[in-house]
Structure formats: C-alpha cells, structure tokens
C-alpha cells in the first residue's frame, strides 16, 4: 500500500500571510526571487535585496497587487 503526501506551502493557501520583514531579510536573494515568481511580482534581475524585500512588502500591503 502506498501513501501519498501533499505539501502545501504557506503562499499557496487562500489568504496566506507573507513572511514578516525579519523572515524576508533572512532569505537569500535567490529565495526572494523565487518567492516573487510564485507571487507574480516582477523585479529587475539586478535588483538589490532590500528592493526585492520592499517589492514583496508593497505587494502584501496592496492586497497582492504591485504598487
């Protein structure tokens, strides 16, 4: 008998909150870019980490839409 487990990431749940500022700041640029991709946030390829964090926070505060 096989058992299959489905893992749901927090960003995939309906109404899931984004990570807090401290958690975003602890992420790598690669992780932040992946999160932006999942959230549909466009960031320039040469964006600085602080700019990526700000873009994610702006999208969160605007209800998921980019500012």
Foldseek 3Di string as FASTA:
>chain_A
DDDDDDDDDQVRDVPRADDDLVVLVPDDPVVLVVVCVVLVHDDDPPDDSVVSSVQVVCCRVVVSDGD
